[in-house]
Amino acid sequence: MAQTIILEPGNTAAISAPVEVAAGEFVIVGLFRENNDERESQVLFNVYQETPGVSNTIVSLTNSFRAVALCGPGTYRVSRPAYSGAPLGAFVDQ
């Protein structure tokens, strides 16, 4: 599996690049830090699936629950709210 950054580390509100998952495939989506900044954050990064209507929130990633496997088919994104803790980014392993 190859890792790709879909959301650069930060603590401002942002939405990741889309993650396309084909039928019968899966990917791992997770959070990461660039450095050893140990400031803890109780922030929720929502992972959601795009739909023809309102997007469906699949799971929330946190500082202690940092990765999830997503099964296809689907298009997914990670949403980061603004917060004051250590900068976190998101990656996909596919």
C-alpha atoms as a PDB file:
ATOM      1  CA  MET A   1       0.000   0.000   0.000  1.00  0.00           C
ATOM      2  CA  ALA A   2       1.176   3.521  -0.795  1.00  0.00           C
ATOM      3  CA  GLN A   3       0.497   6.498   1.474  1.00  0.00           C
ATOM      4  CA  THR A   4      -0.728   9.821   0.093  1.00  0.00           C
ATOM      5  CA  ILE A   5      -1.414  13.015   2.043  1.00  0.00           C
ATOM      6  CA  ILE A   6      -4.992  14.147   1.429  1.00  0.00           C
ATOM      7  CA  LEU A   7      -5.014  16.990   3.997  1.00  0.00           C
ATOM      8  CA  GLU A   8      -1.863  18.884   4.966  1.00  0.00           C
ATOM      9  CA  PRO A   9      -1.256  19.249   8.735  1.00  0.00           C
ATOM     10  CA  GLY A  10      -2.862  22.263  10.340  1.00  0.00           C
ATOM     11  CA  ASN A  11      -5.423  23.367  12.885  1.00  0.00           C
ATOM     12  CA  THR A  12      -7.635  25.535  10.681  1.00  0.00           C
ATOM     13  CA  ALA A  13     -10.902  24.304   9.192  1.00  0.00           C
ATOM     14  CA  ALA A  14     -10.347  22.394   5.950  1.00  0.00           C
ATOM     15  CA  ILE A  15     -11.656  19.537   3.810  1.00  0.00           C
ATOM     16  CA  SER A  16      -9.433  16.864   2.278  1.00  0.00           C
ATOM     17  CA  ALA A  17      -9.019  15.868  -1.316  1.00  0.00           C
ATOM     18  CA  PRO A  18     -11.505  13.178  -2.365  1.00  0.00           C
ATOM     19  CA  VAL A  19     -10.623   9.522  -1.844  1.00  0.00           C
ATOM     20  CA  GLU A  20     -12.092   7.254  -4.533  1.00  0.00           C
ATOM     21  CA  VAL A  21     -12.558   3.612  -3.533  1.00  0.00           C
ATOM     22  CA  ALA A  22     -13.546   1.094  -6.206  1.00  0.00           C
ATOM     23  CA  ALA A  23     -16.082  -1.685  -5.661  1.00  0.00           C
ATOM     24  CA  GLY A  24     -14.523  -4.567  -3.738  1.00  0.00           C
ATOM     25  CA  GLU A  25     -11.502  -2.486  -2.679  1.00  0.00           C
ATOM     26  CA  PHE A  26     -10.598  -0.847   0.636  1.00  0.00           C
ATOM     27  CA  VAL A  27      -8.303   1.911   1.882  1.00  0.00           C
ATOM     28  CA  ILE A  28      -7.058   3.064   5.260  1.00  0.00           C
ATOM     29  CA  VAL A  29      -7.662   6.738   6.116  1.00  0.00           C
ATOM     30  CA  GLY A  30      -5.835   8.158   9.108  1.00  0.00           C
ATOM     31  CA  LEU A  31      -4.528  11.217  10.920  1.00  0.00           C
ATOM     32  CA  PHE A  32      -0.867  12.135  11.375  1.00  0.00           C
ATOM     33  CA  ARG A  33       1.438  14.725  12.949  1.00  0.00           C
ATOM     34  CA  GLU A  34       4.474  16.172  11.149  1.00  0.00           C
ATOM     35  CA  ASN A  35       6.538  16.671  14.297  1.00  0.00           C
ATOM     36  CA  ASN A  36       6.682  15.750  17.966  1.00  0.00           C
ATOM     37  CA  ASP A  37       4.262  18.450  19.072  1.00  0.00           C
ATOM     38  CA  GLU A  38       2.653  16.703  22.045  1.00  0.00           C
ATOM     39  CA  ARG A  39      -0.222  19.132  22.629  1.00  0.00           C
ATOM     40  CA  GLU A  40      -3.306  16.983  22.991  1.00  0.00           C
ATOM     41  CA  SER A  41      -6.478  17.871  21.157  1.00  0.00           C
ATOM     42  CA  GLN A  42      -9.941  16.485  21.676  1.00  0.00           C
ATOM     43  CA  VAL A  43     -10.926  17.410  18.155  1.00  0.00           C
ATOM     44  CA  LEU A  44     -13.150  15.321  15.852  1.00  0.00           C
ATOM     45  CA  PHE A  45     -12.176  14.894  12.207  1.00  0.00           C
ATOM     46  CA  ASN A  46     -15.301  13.638  10.412  1.00  0.00           C
ATOM     47  CA  VAL A  47     -14.887  11.090   7.626  1.00  0.00           C
ATOM     48  CA  TYR A  48     -17.820  11.249   5.283  1.00  0.00           C
ATOM     49  CA  GLN A  49     -19.058   9.650   2.088  1.00  0.00           C
ATOM     50  CA  GLU A  50     -20.303  11.861  -0.708  1.00  0.00           C
ATOM     51  CA  THR A  51     -23.837  11.074  -1.907  1.00  0.00           C
ATOM     52  CA  PRO A  52     -26.221  12.580  -4.483  1.00  0.00           C
ATOM     53  CA  GLY A  53     -27.715  14.536  -1.556  1.00  0.00           C
ATOM     54  CA  VAL A  54     -26.297  15.422   1.843  1.00  0.00           C
ATOM     55  CA  SER A  55     -23.034  13.602   2.628  1.00  0.00           C
ATOM     56  CA  ASN A  56     -23.081  10.738   5.160  1.00  0.00           C
ATOM     57  CA  THR A  57     -20.731  10.923   8.133  1.00  0.00           C
ATOM     58  CA  ILE A  58     -19.155   7.460   8.430  1.00  0.00           C
ATOM     59  CA  VAL A  59     -16.920   7.871  11.491  1.00  0.00           C
ATOM     60  CA  SER A  60     -15.094  10.521  13.527  1.00  0.00           C
ATOM     61  CA  LEU A  61     -11.327  10.249  13.956  1.00  0.00           C
ATOM     62  CA  THR A  62      -9.709  11.653  17.103  1.00  0.00           C
ATOM     63  CA  ASN A  63      -6.284  12.027  18.658  1.00  0.00           C
ATOM     64  CA  SER A  64      -6.720   8.539  20.185  1.00  0.00           C
ATOM     65  CA  PHE A  65      -8.681   6.852  17.327  1.00  0.00           C
ATOM     66  CA  ARG A  66      -6.588   7.858  14.324  1.00  0.00           C
ATOM     67  CA  ALA A  67      -7.375   5.438  11.480  1.00  0.00           C
ATOM     68  CA  VAL A  68     -10.254   3.593   9.824  1.00  0.00           C
ATOM     69  CA  ALA A  69     -10.682   1.168   6.907  1.00  0.00           C
ATOM     70  CA  LEU A  70     -13.140   2.321   4.239  1.00  0.00           C
ATOM     71  CA  CYS A  71     -14.706  -0.133   1.783  1.00  0.00           C
ATOM     72  CA  GLY A  72     -15.826   0.722  -1.743  1.00  0.00           C
ATOM     73  CA  PRO A  73     -17.510   1.696  -3.774  1.00  0.00           C
ATOM     74  CA  GLY A  74     -17.562   5.299  -2.676  1.00  0.00           C
ATOM     75  CA  THR A  75     -16.008   8.743  -2.605  1.00  0.00           C
ATOM     76  CA  TYR A  76     -14.864   9.869   0.826  1.00  0.00           C
ATOM     77  CA  ARG A  77     -13.423  13.045   2.386  1.00  0.00           C
ATOM     78  CA  VAL A  78     -12.075  14.094   5.786  1.00  0.00           C
ATOM     79  CA  SER A  79     -13.307  17.316   7.391  1.00  0.00           C
ATOM     80  CA  ARG A  80     -11.116  19.145   9.928  1.00  0.00           C
ATOM     81  CA  PRO A  81     -12.650  21.831  12.177  1.00  0.00           C
ATOM     82  CA  ALA A  82     -10.684  24.816  13.467  1.00  0.00           C
ATOM     83  CA  TYR A  83      -9.068  24.074  16.847  1.00  0.00           C
ATOM     84  CA  SER A  84      -6.125  25.198  18.994  1.00  0.00           C
ATOM     85  CA  GLY A  85      -4.152  21.958  19.502  1.00  0.00           C
ATOM     86  CA  ALA A  86      -1.267  20.316  17.650  1.00  0.00           C
ATOM     87  CA  PRO A  87      -1.524  20.472  13.840  1.00  0.00           C
ATOM     88  CA  LEU A  88      -2.887  17.227  12.354  1.00  0.00           C
ATOM     89  CA  GLY A  89      -3.243  16.132   8.746  1.00  0.00           C
ATOM     90  CA  ALA A  90      -4.911  13.193   7.013  1.00  0.00           C
ATOM     91  CA  PHE A  91      -3.519  10.501   4.734  1.00  0.00           C
ATOM     92  CA  VAL A  92      -4.806   7.562   2.723  1.00  0.00           C
ATOM     93  CA  ASP A  93      -3.043   4.208   2.481  1.00  0.00           C
ATOM     94  CA  GLN A  94      -4.114   2.357  -0.670  1.00  0.00           C
END
